[in-house]
PDB file of all heavy atoms in Angstrom:
ATOM      1  N   VAL A   1       0.791  -1.202   0.003  1.00  0.00           N
ATOM      2  CA  VAL A   1       0.014  -0.017  -0.013  1.00  0.00           C
ATOM      3  C   VAL A   1       0.851   1.266  -0.017  1.00  0.00           C
ATOM      4  O   VAL A   1       0.293   2.380   0.017  1.00  0.00           O
ATOM      5  CB  VAL A   1      -0.998   0.025   1.187  1.00  0.00           C
ATOM      6  CG1 VAL A   1      -1.828  -1.230   1.221  1.00  0.00           C
ATOM      7  CG2 VAL A   1      -0.298   0.242   2.502  1.00  0.00           C
ATOM      8  N   TYR A   2       2.168   1.129  -0.003  1.00  0.00           N
ATOM      9  CA  TYR A   2       3.045   2.283  -0.026  1.00  0.00           C
ATOM     10  C   TYR A   2       3.686   2.474  -1.390  1.00  0.00           C
ATOM     11  O   TYR A   2       4.239   1.511  -1.984  1.00  0.00           O
ATOM     12  CB  TYR A   2       4.192   2.102   1.021  1.00  0.00           C
ATOM     13  CG  TYR A   2       3.762   2.303   2.438  1.00  0.00           C
ATOM     14  CD1 TYR A   2       3.115   1.301   3.160  1.00  0.00           C
ATOM     15  CD2 TYR A   2       4.015   3.521   3.079  1.00  0.00           C
ATOM     16  CE1 TYR A   2       2.711   1.485   4.458  1.00  0.00           C
ATOM     17  CE2 TYR A   2       3.619   3.716   4.392  1.00  0.00           C
ATOM     18  CZ  TYR A   2       2.987   2.719   5.062  1.00  0.00           C
ATOM     19  OH  TYR A   2       2.577   2.923   6.367  1.00  0.00           O
ATOM     20  N   ALA A   3       3.624   3.711  -1.861  1.00  0.00           N
ATOM     21  CA  ALA A   3       4.539   4.075  -2.951  1.00  0.00           C
ATOM     22  C   ALA A   3       5.945   4.159  -2.391  1.00  0.00           C
ATOM     23  O   ALA A   3       6.148   4.387  -1.183  1.00  0.00           O
ATOM     24  CB  ALA A   3       4.120   5.432  -3.560  1.00  0.00           C
ATOM     25  N   MET A   4       6.931   3.951  -3.234  1.00  0.00           N
ATOM     26  CA  MET A   4       8.313   3.905  -2.741  1.00  0.00           C
ATOM     27  C   MET A   4       9.198   4.835  -3.620  1.00  0.00           C
ATOM     28  O   MET A   4       8.889   5.094  -4.781  1.00  0.00           O
ATOM     29  CB  MET A   4       8.873   2.489  -2.832  1.00  0.00           C
ATOM     30  CG  MET A   4       8.131   1.467  -1.992  1.00  0.00           C
ATOM     31  SD  MET A   4       8.371   1.729  -0.215  1.00  0.00           S
ATOM     32  CE  MET A   4      10.113   1.397  -0.058  1.00  0.00           C
ATOM     33  N   GLY A   5      10.296   5.294  -3.011  1.00  0.00           N
ATOM     34  CA  GLY A   5      11.163   6.136  -3.763  1.00  0.00           C
ATOM     35  C   GLY A   5      12.618   5.973  -3.333  1.00  0.00           C
ATOM     36  O   GLY A   5      12.954   5.434  -2.264  1.00  0.00           O
ATOM     37  N   TRP A   6      13.516   6.418  -4.186  1.00  0.00           N
ATOM     38  CA  TRP A   6      14.938   6.488  -3.922  1.00  0.00           C
ATOM     39  C   TRP A   6      15.401   7.962  -3.998  1.00  0.00           C
ATOM     40  O   TRP A   6      15.007   8.697  -4.924  1.00  0.00           O
ATOM     41  CB  TRP A   6      15.750   5.688  -4.976  1.00  0.00           C
ATOM     42  CG  TRP A   6      15.647   4.213  -4.848  1.00  0.00           C
ATOM     43  CD1 TRP A   6      14.830   3.379  -5.558  1.00  0.00           C
ATOM     44  CD2 TRP A   6      16.398   3.366  -3.967  1.00  0.00           C
ATOM     45  NE1 TRP A   6      15.033   2.081  -5.150  1.00  0.00           N
ATOM     46  CE2 TRP A   6      15.982   2.031  -4.201  1.00  0.00           C
ATOM     47  CE3 TRP A   6      17.369   3.605  -3.005  1.00  0.00           C
ATOM     48  CZ2 TRP A   6      16.513   0.951  -3.541  1.00  0.00           C
ATOM     49  CZ3 TRP A   6      17.916   2.576  -2.309  1.00  0.00           C
ATOM     50  CH2 TRP A   6      17.504   1.241  -2.556  1.00  0.00           C
ATOM     51  N   PHE A   7      16.189   8.341  -3.026  1.00  0.00           N
ATOM     52  CA  PHE A   7      16.840   9.628  -2.986  1.00  0.00           C
ATOM     53  C   PHE A   7      18.319   9.454  -2.754  1.00  0.00           C
ATOM     54  O   PHE A   7      18.756   8.399  -2.298  1.00  0.00           O
ATOM     55  CB  PHE A   7      16.224  10.512  -1.882  1.00  0.00           C
ATOM     56  CG  PHE A   7      14.783  10.881  -2.114  1.00  0.00           C
ATOM     57  CD1 PHE A   7      13.767   9.950  -1.877  1.00  0.00           C
ATOM     58  CD2 PHE A   7      14.450  12.153  -2.549  1.00  0.00           C
ATOM     59  CE1 PHE A   7      12.433  10.333  -2.092  1.00  0.00           C
ATOM     60  CE2 PHE A   7      13.125  12.514  -2.781  1.00  0.00           C
ATOM     61  CZ  PHE A   7      12.122  11.606  -2.537  1.00  0.00           C
ATOM     62  N   ARG A   8      19.063  10.519  -3.016  1.00  0.00           N
ATOM     63  CA  ARG A   8      20.509  10.437  -2.746  1.00  0.00           C
ATOM     64  C   ARG A   8      20.990  11.784  -2.232  1.00  0.00           C
ATOM     65  O   ARG A   8      20.407  12.838  -2.511  1.00  0.00           O
ATOM     66  CB  ARG A   8      21.280  10.017  -4.014  1.00  0.00           C
ATOM     67  CG  ARG A   8      21.338  11.042  -5.112  1.00  0.00           C
ATOM     68  CD  ARG A   8      22.024  10.478  -6.358  1.00  0.00           C
ATOM     69  NE  ARG A   8      22.204  11.473  -7.387  1.00  0.00           N
ATOM     70  CZ  ARG A   8      22.661  11.215  -8.603  1.00  0.00           C
ATOM     71  NH1 ARG A   8      23.003   9.953  -8.935  1.00  0.00           N
ATOM     72  NH2 ARG A   8      22.807  12.199  -9.482  1.00  0.00           N
ATOM     73  N   GLN A   9      22.122  11.732  -1.520  1.00  0.00           N
ATOM     74  CA  GLN A   9      22.692  12.973  -1.029  1.00  0.00           C
ATOM     75  C   GLN A   9      24.239  12.857  -1.050  1.00  0.00           C
ATOM     76  O   GLN A   9      24.778  11.941  -0.449  1.00  0.00           O
ATOM     77  CB  GLN A   9      22.246  13.270   0.399  1.00  0.00           C
ATOM     78  CG  GLN A   9      22.677  14.629   0.901  1.00  0.00           C
ATOM     79  CD  GLN A   9      21.910  15.038   2.149  1.00  0.00           C
ATOM     80  OE1 GLN A   9      21.387  14.204   2.880  1.00  0.00           O
ATOM     81  NE2 GLN A   9      21.792  16.335   2.383  1.00  0.00           N
ATOM     82  N   ALA A  10      24.846  13.763  -1.744  1.00  0.00           N
ATOM     83  CA  ALA A  10      26.316  13.842  -1.820  1.00  0.00           C
ATOM     84  C   ALA A  10      26.824  14.861  -0.803  1.00  0.00           C
ATOM     85  O   ALA A  10      26.068  15.769  -0.394  1.00  0.00           O
ATOM     86  CB  ALA A  10      26.738  14.240  -3.239  1.00  0.00           C
ATOM     87  N   PRO A  11      28.057  14.768  -0.377  1.00  0.00           N
ATOM     88  CA  PRO A  11      28.603  15.718   0.601  1.00  0.00           C
ATOM     89  C   PRO A  11      28.442  17.159   0.110  1.00  0.00           C
ATOM     90  O   PRO A  11      28.815  17.487  -1.022  1.00  0.00           O
ATOM     91  CB  PRO A  11      30.059  15.305   0.703  1.00  0.00           C
ATOM     92  CG  PRO A  11      30.093  13.851   0.372  1.00  0.00           C
ATOM     93  CD  PRO A  11      29.033  13.701  -0.706  1.00  0.00           C
ATOM     94  N   GLY A  12      27.905  17.993   1.007  1.00  0.00           N
ATOM     95  CA  GLY A  12      27.759  19.416   0.663  1.00  0.00           C
ATOM     96  C   GLY A  12      26.605  19.753  -0.233  1.00  0.00           C
ATOM     97  O   GLY A  12      26.434  20.919  -0.627  1.00  0.00           O
ATOM     98  N   LYS A  13      25.788  18.781  -0.581  1.00  0.00           N
ATOM     99  CA  LYS A  13      24.668  19.022  -1.489  1.00  0.00           C
ATOM    100  C   LYS A  13      23.350  18.680  -0.826  1.00  0.00           C
ATOM    101  O   LYS A  13      23.283  17.975   0.187  1.00  0.00           O
ATOM    102  CB  LYS A  13      24.821  18.158  -2.763  1.00  0.00           C
ATOM    103  CG  LYS A  13      25.989  18.588  -3.648  1.00  0.00           C
ATOM    104  CD  LYS A  13      25.977  17.783  -4.968  1.00  0.00           C
ATOM    105  CE  LYS A  13      27.071  18.230  -5.847  1.00  0.00           C
ATOM    106  NZ  LYS A  13      27.074  17.486  -7.138  1.00  0.00           N
ATOM    107  N   GLU A  14      22.256  19.214  -1.422  1.00  0.00           N
ATOM    108  CA  GLU A  14      20.925  18.926  -0.926  1.00  0.00           C
ATOM    109  C   GLU A  14      20.530  17.496  -1.345  1.00  0.00           C
ATOM    110  O   GLU A  14      21.044  16.913  -2.287  1.00  0.00           O
ATOM    111  CB  GLU A  14      19.929  19.899  -1.530  1.00  0.00           C
ATOM    112  CG  GLU A  14      20.136  21.363  -1.080  1.00  0.00           C
ATOM    113  CD  GLU A  14      19.830  21.553   0.376  1.00  0.00           C
ATOM    114  OE1 GLU A  14      18.773  21.012   0.832  1.00  0.00           O
ATOM    115  OE2 GLU A  14      20.561  22.246   1.083  1.00  0.00           O
ATOM    116  N   ARG A  15      19.605  16.933  -0.559  1.00  0.00           N
ATOM    117  CA  ARG A  15      19.050  15.654  -0.941  1.00  0.00           C
ATOM    118  C   ARG A  15      18.356  15.723  -2.277  1.00  0.00           C
ATOM    119  O   ARG A  15      17.583  16.688  -2.551  1.00  0.00           O
ATOM    120  CB  ARG A  15      18.093  15.152   0.126  1.00  0.00           C
ATOM    121  CG  ARG A  15      17.525  13.764  -0.114  1.00  0.00           C
ATOM    122  CD  ARG A  15      16.729  13.245   1.061  1.00  0.00           C
ATOM    123  NE  ARG A  15      17.567  13.045   2.233  1.00  0.00           N
ATOM    124  CZ  ARG A  15      17.142  12.651   3.418  1.00  0.00           C
ATOM    125  NH1 ARG A  15      15.861  12.356   3.585  1.00  0.00           N
ATOM    126  NH2 ARG A  15      18.002  12.465   4.440  1.00  0.00           N
ATOM    127  N   GLU A  16      18.556  14.770  -3.128  1.00  0.00           N
ATOM    128  CA  GLU A  16      18.100  14.810  -4.530  1.00  0.00           C
ATOM    129  C   GLU A  16      17.205  13.619  -4.811  1.00  0.00           C
ATOM    130  O   GLU A  16      17.517  12.478  -4.475  1.00  0.00           O
ATOM    131  CB  GLU A  16      19.343  14.777  -5.429  1.00  0.00           C
ATOM    132  CG  GLU A  16      19.016  14.734  -6.915  1.00  0.00           C
ATOM    133  CD  GLU A  16      20.269  14.612  -7.777  1.00  0.00           C
ATOM    134  OE1 GLU A  16      21.317  14.142  -7.257  1.00  0.00           O
ATOM    135  OE2 GLU A  16      20.227  14.985  -8.966  1.00  0.00           O
ATOM    136  N   PHE A  17      16.119  13.907  -5.481  1.00  0.00           N
ATOM    137  CA  PHE A  17      15.224  12.824  -5.933  1.00  0.00           C
ATOM    138  C   PHE A  17      15.902  12.012  -7.047  1.00  0.00           C
ATOM    139  O   PHE A  17      16.516  12.569  -7.962  1.00  0.00           O
ATOM    140  CB  PHE A  17      13.933  13.434  -6.464  1.00  0.00           C
ATOM    141  CG  PHE A  17      13.037  12.461  -7.164  1.00  0.00           C
ATOM    142  CD1 PHE A  17      12.331  11.472  -6.452  1.00  0.00           C
ATOM    143  CD2 PHE A  17      12.886  12.488  -8.567  1.00  0.00           C
ATOM    144  CE1 PHE A  17      11.504  10.583  -7.098  1.00  0.00           C
ATOM    145  CE2 PHE A  17      12.063  11.592  -9.189  1.00  0.00           C
ATOM    146  CZ  PHE A  17      11.366  10.649  -8.453  1.00  0.00           C
ATOM    147  N   VAL A  18      15.753  10.695  -6.943  1.00  0.00           N
ATOM    148  CA  VAL A  18      16.319   9.798  -7.951  1.00  0.00           C
ATOM    149  C   VAL A  18      15.205   9.119  -8.759  1.00  0.00           C
ATOM    150  O   VAL A  18      15.151   9.244  -9.996  1.00  0.00           O
ATOM    151  CB  VAL A  18      17.184   8.708  -7.304  1.00  0.00           C
ATOM    152  CG1 VAL A  18      17.653   7.697  -8.330  1.00  0.00           C
ATOM    153  CG2 VAL A  18      18.364   9.345  -6.581  1.00  0.00           C
ATOM    154  N   ALA A  19      14.289   8.424  -8.099  1.00  0.00           N
ATOM    155  CA  ALA A  19      13.237   7.675  -8.794  1.00  0.00           C
ATOM    156  C   ALA A  19      12.147   7.360  -7.835  1.00  0.00           C
ATOM    157  O   ALA A  19      12.349   7.292  -6.593  1.00  0.00           O
ATOM    158  CB  ALA A  19      13.799   6.398  -9.443  1.00  0.00           C
ATOM    159  N   ALA A  20      10.939   7.064  -8.312  1.00  0.00           N
ATOM    160  CA  ALA A  20       9.816   6.649  -7.483  1.00  0.00           C
ATOM    161  C   ALA A  20       8.949   5.657  -8.238  1.00  0.00           C
ATOM    162  O   ALA A  20       8.977   5.629  -9.498  1.00  0.00           O
ATOM    163  CB  ALA A  20       8.973   7.859  -7.056  1.00  0.00           C
ATOM    164  N   ILE A  21       8.202   4.850  -7.517  1.00  0.00           N
ATOM    165  CA  ILE A  21       7.382   3.811  -8.106  1.00  0.00           C
ATOM    166  C   ILE A  21       6.044   3.745  -7.353  1.00  0.00           C
ATOM    167  O   ILE A  21       6.030   3.871  -6.120  1.00  0.00           O
ATOM    168  CB  ILE A  21       8.115   2.488  -8.117  1.00  0.00           C
ATOM    169  CG1 ILE A  21       7.346   1.399  -8.891  1.00  0.00           C
ATOM    170  CG2 ILE A  21       8.444   2.004  -6.711  1.00  0.00           C
ATOM    171  CD1 ILE A  21       8.200   0.184  -9.248  1.00  0.00           C
ATOM    172  N   SER A  22       4.972   3.544  -8.052  1.00  0.00           N
ATOM    173  CA  SER A  22       3.642   3.485  -7.496  1.00  0.00           C
ATOM    174  C   SER A  22       3.463   2.166  -6.700  1.00  0.00           C
ATOM    175  O   SER A  22       4.285   1.264  -6.750  1.00  0.00           O
ATOM    176  CB  SER A  22       2.589   3.623  -8.572  1.00  0.00           C
ATOM    177  OG  SER A  22       2.688   2.547  -9.496  1.00  0.00           O
ATOM    178  N   ARG A  23       2.307   2.098  -5.959  1.00  0.00           N
ATOM    179  CA  ARG A  23       2.063   0.971  -5.100  1.00  0.00           C
ATOM    180  C   ARG A  23       2.154  -0.383  -5.809  1.00  0.00           C
ATOM    181  O   ARG A  23       2.767  -1.319  -5.312  1.00  0.00           O
ATOM    182  CB  ARG A  23       0.698   1.112  -4.463  1.00  0.00           C
ATOM    183  CG  ARG A  23       0.583   2.257  -3.453  1.00  0.00           C
ATOM    184  CD  ARG A  23      -0.846   2.366  -2.979  1.00  0.00           C
ATOM    185  NE  ARG A  23      -0.966   3.389  -1.918  1.00  0.00           N
ATOM    186  CZ  ARG A  23      -2.104   3.729  -1.337  1.00  0.00           C
ATOM    187  NH1 ARG A  23      -3.238   3.157  -1.729  1.00  0.00           N
ATOM    188  NH2 ARG A  23      -2.117   4.645  -0.401  1.00  0.00           N
ATOM    189  N   GLY A  24       1.524  -0.447  -6.983  1.00  0.00           N
ATOM    190  CA  GLY A  24       1.519  -1.684  -7.723  1.00  0.00           C
ATOM    191  C   GLY A  24       2.662  -1.834  -8.688  1.00  0.00           C
ATOM    192  O   GLY A  24       2.777  -2.916  -9.329  1.00  0.00           O
ATOM    193  N   GLY A  25       3.493  -0.807  -8.808  1.00  0.00           N
ATOM    194  CA  GLY A  25       4.611  -0.904  -9.713  1.00  0.00           C
ATOM    195  C   GLY A  25       4.306  -0.500 -11.154  1.00  0.00           C
ATOM    196  O   GLY A  25       5.213  -0.557 -11.996  1.00  0.00           O
ATOM    197  N   GLY A  26       3.090  -0.078 -11.406  1.00  0.00           N
ATOM    198  CA  GLY A  26       2.689   0.231 -12.779  1.00  0.00           C
ATOM    199  C   GLY A  26       3.186   1.571 -13.299  1.00  0.00           C
ATOM    200  O   GLY A  26       3.140   1.792 -14.501  1.00  0.00           O
ATOM    201  N   ALA A  27       3.562   2.476 -12.410  1.00  0.00           N
ATOM    202  CA  ALA A  27       4.015   3.802 -12.794  1.00  0.00           C
ATOM    203  C   ALA A  27       5.360   4.054 -12.155  1.00  0.00           C
ATOM    204  O   ALA A  27       5.505   3.860 -10.969  1.00  0.00           O
ATOM    205  CB  ALA A  27       2.988   4.860 -12.403  1.00  0.00           C
TER     206      ALA A  27
END
């Protein structure tokens, strides 16, 4: 029931969005 996402953060930088996926994986 949860959408999921990946984020990343490099030293000295803001957290950055990488990718996300819907609950069922269809989007």
